[in-house]
Amino acid sequence: MQRSFLAFAIAAAIVLTAVPVSAGQRAGSSTPPRRAATRVTPSPVQLELRRNRVLADTLQVRLPRSTDLNAAAGGFRRLELLVAAITASNNLGVPFFELKRRIVNDGMTLGQAIQDMRPRSRYWDEARRAEDDAAATIRMSEAVVLASERKGTR
């Protein structure tokens, strides 16, 4: 009898220590503890894309379907680099998120990322072309936004 009681007590202790109980919550309660609402602050690049819908629409078309542009812009510190990465992805037919990973996570330049993905390409020329195209795309979208604001059609 003592052995079975001891075995039961040990099993109960193991089960009770394996189930964490947060402060203020009863063990039998079915409601999870409340968590503080986390607010994600958008980056300057994401804010700029919200402001410039012409540019956002242009970039959205260049990304794969069902890609969230806001998520794609996450991690980029400069709008020019985001637009150049999307442009290079389209020009070379390489996956955008692979380029993004190399640039944002691995700290590569656009040219280094292209070289890593396409070693036999003219990667520096491709990077320069994408950067030039990105600058032109941004300038044109800004001009359209400014013109629409002047007319008051926005």
C-alpha atoms as a PDB file:
ATOM      1  CA  MET A   1       0.000   0.000   0.000  1.00  0.00           C
ATOM      2  CA  GLN A   2       2.817   2.402   0.847  1.00  0.00           C
ATOM      3  CA  ARG A   3       4.591   1.601  -2.429  1.00  0.00           C
ATOM      4  CA  SER A   4       1.522   2.363  -4.521  1.00  0.00           C
ATOM      5  CA  PHE A   5       0.929   5.599  -2.586  1.00  0.00           C
ATOM      6  CA  LEU A   6       4.567   6.578  -3.082  1.00  0.00           C
ATOM      7  CA  ALA A   7       4.382   5.790  -6.821  1.00  0.00           C
ATOM      8  CA  PHE A   8       1.185   7.851  -7.107  1.00  0.00           C
ATOM      9  CA  ALA A   9       2.778  10.775  -5.263  1.00  0.00           C
ATOM     10  CA  ILE A  10       5.860  10.712  -7.520  1.00  0.00           C
ATOM     11  CA  ALA A  11       3.726  10.530 -10.674  1.00  0.00           C
ATOM     12  CA  ALA A  12       1.562  13.426  -9.459  1.00  0.00           C
ATOM     13  CA  ALA A  13       4.657  15.499  -8.659  1.00  0.00           C
ATOM     14  CA  ILE A  14       6.068  14.882 -12.138  1.00  0.00           C
ATOM     15  CA  VAL A  15       2.800  15.866 -13.823  1.00  0.00           C
ATOM     16  CA  LEU A  16       2.376  18.993 -11.703  1.00  0.00           C
ATOM     17  CA  THR A  17       5.916  20.212 -12.317  1.00  0.00           C
ATOM     18  CA  ALA A  18       5.619  19.611 -16.070  1.00  0.00           C
ATOM     19  CA  VAL A  19       2.536  21.861 -16.400  1.00  0.00           C
ATOM     20  CA  PRO A  20       3.512  25.526 -15.870  1.00  0.00           C
ATOM     21  CA  VAL A  21       0.973  27.643 -14.069  1.00  0.00           C
ATOM     22  CA  SER A  22       1.351  31.375 -14.521  1.00  0.00           C
ATOM     23  CA  ALA A  23       0.812  33.750 -11.648  1.00  0.00           C
ATOM     24  CA  GLY A  24      -2.843  34.448 -11.004  1.00  0.00           C
ATOM     25  CA  GLN A  25      -4.121  31.525 -13.062  1.00  0.00           C
ATOM     26  CA  ARG A  26      -5.681  28.483 -11.475  1.00  0.00           C
ATOM     27  CA  ALA A  27      -4.516  25.047 -12.553  1.00  0.00           C
ATOM     28  CA  GLY A  28      -7.953  24.041 -13.860  1.00  0.00           C
ATOM     29  CA  SER A  29      -8.689  27.284 -15.706  1.00  0.00           C
ATOM     30  CA  SER A  30      -9.364  26.983 -19.420  1.00  0.00           C
ATOM     31  CA  THR A  31      -8.633  30.627 -20.293  1.00  0.00           C
ATOM     32  CA  PRO A  32      -5.085  31.398 -21.372  1.00  0.00           C
ATOM     33  CA  PRO A  33      -3.224  34.230 -19.654  1.00  0.00           C
ATOM     34  CA  ARG A  34      -3.592  37.613 -21.333  1.00  0.00           C
ATOM     35  CA  ARG A  35      -0.620  38.906 -23.215  1.00  0.00           C
ATOM     36  CA  ALA A  36       0.236  42.504 -23.737  1.00  0.00           C
ATOM     37  CA  ALA A  37      -0.617  43.677 -27.232  1.00  0.00           C
ATOM     38  CA  THR A  38       2.569  44.058 -29.237  1.00  0.00           C
ATOM     39  CA  ARG A  39       2.651  46.944 -31.621  1.00  0.00           C
ATOM     40  CA  VAL A  40       4.940  46.632 -34.608  1.00  0.00           C
ATOM     41  CA  THR A  41       6.410  49.930 -35.722  1.00  0.00           C
ATOM     42  CA  PRO A  42       6.698  50.139 -39.506  1.00  0.00           C
ATOM     43  CA  SER A  43      10.114  50.925 -40.943  1.00  0.00           C
ATOM     44  CA  PRO A  44      10.746  54.140 -42.889  1.00  0.00           C
ATOM     45  CA  VAL A  45      10.670  52.099 -46.109  1.00  0.00           C
ATOM     46  CA  GLN A  46       7.257  50.660 -45.233  1.00  0.00           C
ATOM     47  CA  LEU A  47       5.963  54.124 -44.339  1.00  0.00           C
ATOM     48  CA  GLU A  48       7.183  55.512 -47.653  1.00  0.00           C
ATOM     49  CA  LEU A  49       5.395  52.728 -49.543  1.00  0.00           C
ATOM     50  CA  ARG A  50       2.177  53.550 -47.690  1.00  0.00           C
ATOM     51  CA  ARG A  51       2.545  57.196 -48.679  1.00  0.00           C
ATOM     52  CA  ASN A  52       3.527  56.578 -52.301  1.00  0.00           C
ATOM     53  CA  ARG A  53       0.802  54.240 -53.594  1.00  0.00           C
ATOM     54  CA  VAL A  54       1.983  54.664 -57.195  1.00  0.00           C
ATOM     55  CA  LEU A  55       5.350  53.127 -56.319  1.00  0.00           C
ATOM     56  CA  ALA A  56       3.716  50.476 -54.134  1.00  0.00           C
ATOM     57  CA  ASP A  57       1.420  49.411 -56.972  1.00  0.00           C
ATOM     58  CA  THR A  58       4.345  49.308 -59.412  1.00  0.00           C
ATOM     59  CA  LEU A  59       6.371  47.094 -57.079  1.00  0.00           C
ATOM     60  CA  GLN A  60       3.445  44.829 -56.192  1.00  0.00           C
ATOM     61  CA  VAL A  61       3.092  43.855 -59.857  1.00  0.00           C
ATOM     62  CA  ARG A  62       6.761  42.832 -59.982  1.00  0.00           C
ATOM     63  CA  LEU A  63       6.526  40.521 -56.969  1.00  0.00           C
ATOM     64  CA  PRO A  64       5.130  36.976 -57.053  1.00  0.00           C
ATOM     65  CA  ARG A  65       1.375  36.713 -56.619  1.00  0.00           C
ATOM     66  CA  SER A  66       0.008  36.810 -53.082  1.00  0.00           C
ATOM     67  CA  THR A  67       3.215  38.426 -51.794  1.00  0.00           C
ATOM     68  CA  ASP A  68       2.640  41.075 -49.147  1.00  0.00           C
ATOM     69  CA  LEU A  69       4.614  44.150 -50.186  1.00  0.00           C
ATOM     70  CA  ASN A  70       4.781  45.357 -46.600  1.00  0.00           C
ATOM     71  CA  ALA A  71       6.380  42.062 -45.535  1.00  0.00           C
ATOM     72  CA  ALA A  72       8.718  42.144 -48.524  1.00  0.00           C
ATOM     73  CA  ALA A  73       9.864  45.643 -47.517  1.00  0.00           C
ATOM     74  CA  GLY A  74      10.614  44.555 -43.949  1.00  0.00           C
ATOM     75  CA  GLY A  75      14.291  44.655 -43.099  1.00  0.00           C
ATOM     76  CA  PHE A  76      15.362  47.023 -45.862  1.00  0.00           C
ATOM     77  CA  ARG A  77      16.850  50.260 -44.558  1.00  0.00           C
ATOM     78  CA  ARG A  78      16.635  52.178 -47.826  1.00  0.00           C
ATOM     79  CA  LEU A  79      13.790  52.376 -50.314  1.00  0.00           C
ATOM     80  CA  GLU A  80      16.261  52.430 -53.201  1.00  0.00           C
ATOM     81  CA  LEU A  81      17.715  49.078 -52.175  1.00  0.00           C
ATOM     82  CA  LEU A  82      14.284  47.458 -51.936  1.00  0.00           C
ATOM     83  CA  VAL A  83      13.291  48.685 -55.385  1.00  0.00           C
ATOM     84  CA  ALA A  84      16.672  47.646 -56.831  1.00  0.00           C
ATOM     85  CA  ALA A  85      16.355  44.156 -55.322  1.00  0.00           C
ATOM     86  CA  ILE A  86      12.860  43.714 -56.782  1.00  0.00           C
ATOM     87  CA  THR A  87      14.096  45.014 -60.153  1.00  0.00           C
ATOM     88  CA  ALA A  88      17.147  42.707 -60.149  1.00  0.00           C
ATOM     89  CA  SER A  89      14.943  39.780 -59.218  1.00  0.00           C
ATOM     90  CA  ASN A  90      12.767  40.465 -62.258  1.00  0.00           C
ATOM     91  CA  ASN A  91      15.655  41.169 -64.609  1.00  0.00           C
ATOM     92  CA  LEU A  92      17.559  37.997 -63.722  1.00  0.00           C
ATOM     93  CA  GLY A  93      14.650  35.688 -62.939  1.00  0.00           C
ATOM     94  CA  VAL A  94      15.924  34.929 -59.428  1.00  0.00           C
ATOM     95  CA  PRO A  95      13.642  34.599 -56.388  1.00  0.00           C
ATOM     96  CA  PHE A  96      13.213  37.936 -54.636  1.00  0.00           C
ATOM     97  CA  PHE A  97      13.207  36.442 -51.144  1.00  0.00           C
ATOM     98  CA  GLU A  98      16.563  34.761 -51.795  1.00  0.00           C
ATOM     99  CA  LEU A  99      18.044  38.121 -52.788  1.00  0.00           C
ATOM    100  CA  LYS A 100      16.427  39.725 -49.759  1.00  0.00           C
ATOM    101  CA  ARG A 101      17.850  37.093 -47.403  1.00  0.00           C
ATOM    102  CA  ARG A 102      21.360  37.654 -48.693  1.00  0.00           C
ATOM    103  CA  ILE A 103      21.059  41.452 -48.507  1.00  0.00           C
ATOM    104  CA  VAL A 104      19.143  41.862 -45.253  1.00  0.00           C
ATOM    105  CA  ASN A 105      20.250  38.847 -43.196  1.00  0.00           C
ATOM    106  CA  ASP A 106      23.722  38.161 -44.583  1.00  0.00           C
ATOM    107  CA  GLY A 107      24.712  41.824 -45.050  1.00  0.00           C
ATOM    108  CA  MET A 108      25.673  41.487 -48.715  1.00  0.00           C
ATOM    109  CA  THR A 109      25.467  44.272 -51.245  1.00  0.00           C
ATOM    110  CA  LEU A 110      23.141  43.801 -54.201  1.00  0.00           C
ATOM    111  CA  GLY A 111      26.119  42.964 -56.432  1.00  0.00           C
ATOM    112  CA  GLN A 112      27.442  40.390 -53.953  1.00  0.00           C
ATOM    113  CA  ALA A 113      24.009  38.803 -53.631  1.00  0.00           C
ATOM    114  CA  ILE A 114      23.688  38.534 -57.414  1.00  0.00           C
ATOM    115  CA  GLN A 115      27.204  37.101 -57.643  1.00  0.00           C
ATOM    116  CA  ASP A 116      26.324  34.534 -54.982  1.00  0.00           C
ATOM    117  CA  MET A 117      23.195  33.463 -56.847  1.00  0.00           C
ATOM    118  CA  ARG A 118      24.489  33.810 -60.416  1.00  0.00           C
ATOM    119  CA  PRO A 119      28.308  33.553 -60.322  1.00  0.00           C
ATOM    120  CA  ARG A 120      28.702  33.541 -64.114  1.00  0.00           C
ATOM    121  CA  SER A 121      26.600  36.641 -64.702  1.00  0.00           C
ATOM    122  CA  ARG A 122      27.914  40.166 -65.078  1.00  0.00           C
ATOM    123  CA  TYR A 123      26.761  40.786 -61.517  1.00  0.00           C
ATOM    124  CA  TRP A 124      28.184  44.287 -61.027  1.00  0.00           C
ATOM    125  CA  ASP A 125      26.644  45.465 -64.290  1.00  0.00           C
ATOM    126  CA  GLU A 126      23.337  43.838 -63.334  1.00  0.00           C
ATOM    127  CA  ALA A 127      23.423  45.496 -59.908  1.00  0.00           C
ATOM    128  CA  ARG A 128      24.172  48.901 -61.449  1.00  0.00           C
ATOM    129  CA  ARG A 129      21.379  48.469 -64.001  1.00  0.00           C
ATOM    130  CA  ALA A 130      18.903  47.516 -61.250  1.00  0.00           C
ATOM    131  CA  GLU A 131      19.979  50.497 -59.124  1.00  0.00           C
ATOM    132  CA  ASP A 132      19.608  52.892 -62.083  1.00  0.00           C
ATOM    133  CA  ASP A 133      16.178  51.454 -62.937  1.00  0.00           C
ATOM    134  CA  ALA A 134      15.152  51.725 -59.278  1.00  0.00           C
ATOM    135  CA  ALA A 135      16.169  55.381 -59.113  1.00  0.00           C
ATOM    136  CA  ALA A 136      14.188  56.116 -62.284  1.00  0.00           C
ATOM    137  CA  THR A 137      11.130  54.238 -60.968  1.00  0.00           C
ATOM    138  CA  ILE A 138      11.206  56.162 -57.686  1.00  0.00           C
ATOM    139  CA  ARG A 139      11.637  59.518 -59.457  1.00  0.00           C
ATOM    140  CA  MET A 140       8.752  58.820 -61.816  1.00  0.00           C
ATOM    141  CA  SER A 141       6.424  57.690 -59.016  1.00  0.00           C
ATOM    142  CA  GLU A 142       7.289  60.791 -56.976  1.00  0.00           C
ATOM    143  CA  ALA A 143       6.523  62.993 -59.969  1.00  0.00           C
ATOM    144  CA  VAL A 144       3.133  61.330 -60.425  1.00  0.00           C
ATOM    145  CA  VAL A 145       2.305  61.698 -56.723  1.00  0.00           C
ATOM    146  CA  LEU A 146       3.344  65.377 -56.706  1.00  0.00           C
ATOM    147  CA  ALA A 147       1.320  66.095 -59.853  1.00  0.00           C
ATOM    148  CA  SER A 148      -1.775  64.432 -58.419  1.00  0.00           C
ATOM    149  CA  GLU A 149      -1.386  66.373 -55.158  1.00  0.00           C
ATOM    150  CA  ARG A 150      -1.156  69.648 -57.090  1.00  0.00           C
ATOM    151  CA  LYS A 151      -4.328  68.869 -59.004  1.00  0.00           C
ATOM    152  CA  GLY A 152      -6.067  67.805 -55.839  1.00  0.00           C
ATOM    153  CA  THR A 153      -7.122  64.459 -57.282  1.00  0.00           C
ATOM    154  CA  ARG A 154      -5.457  62.511 -54.570  1.00  0.00           C
END
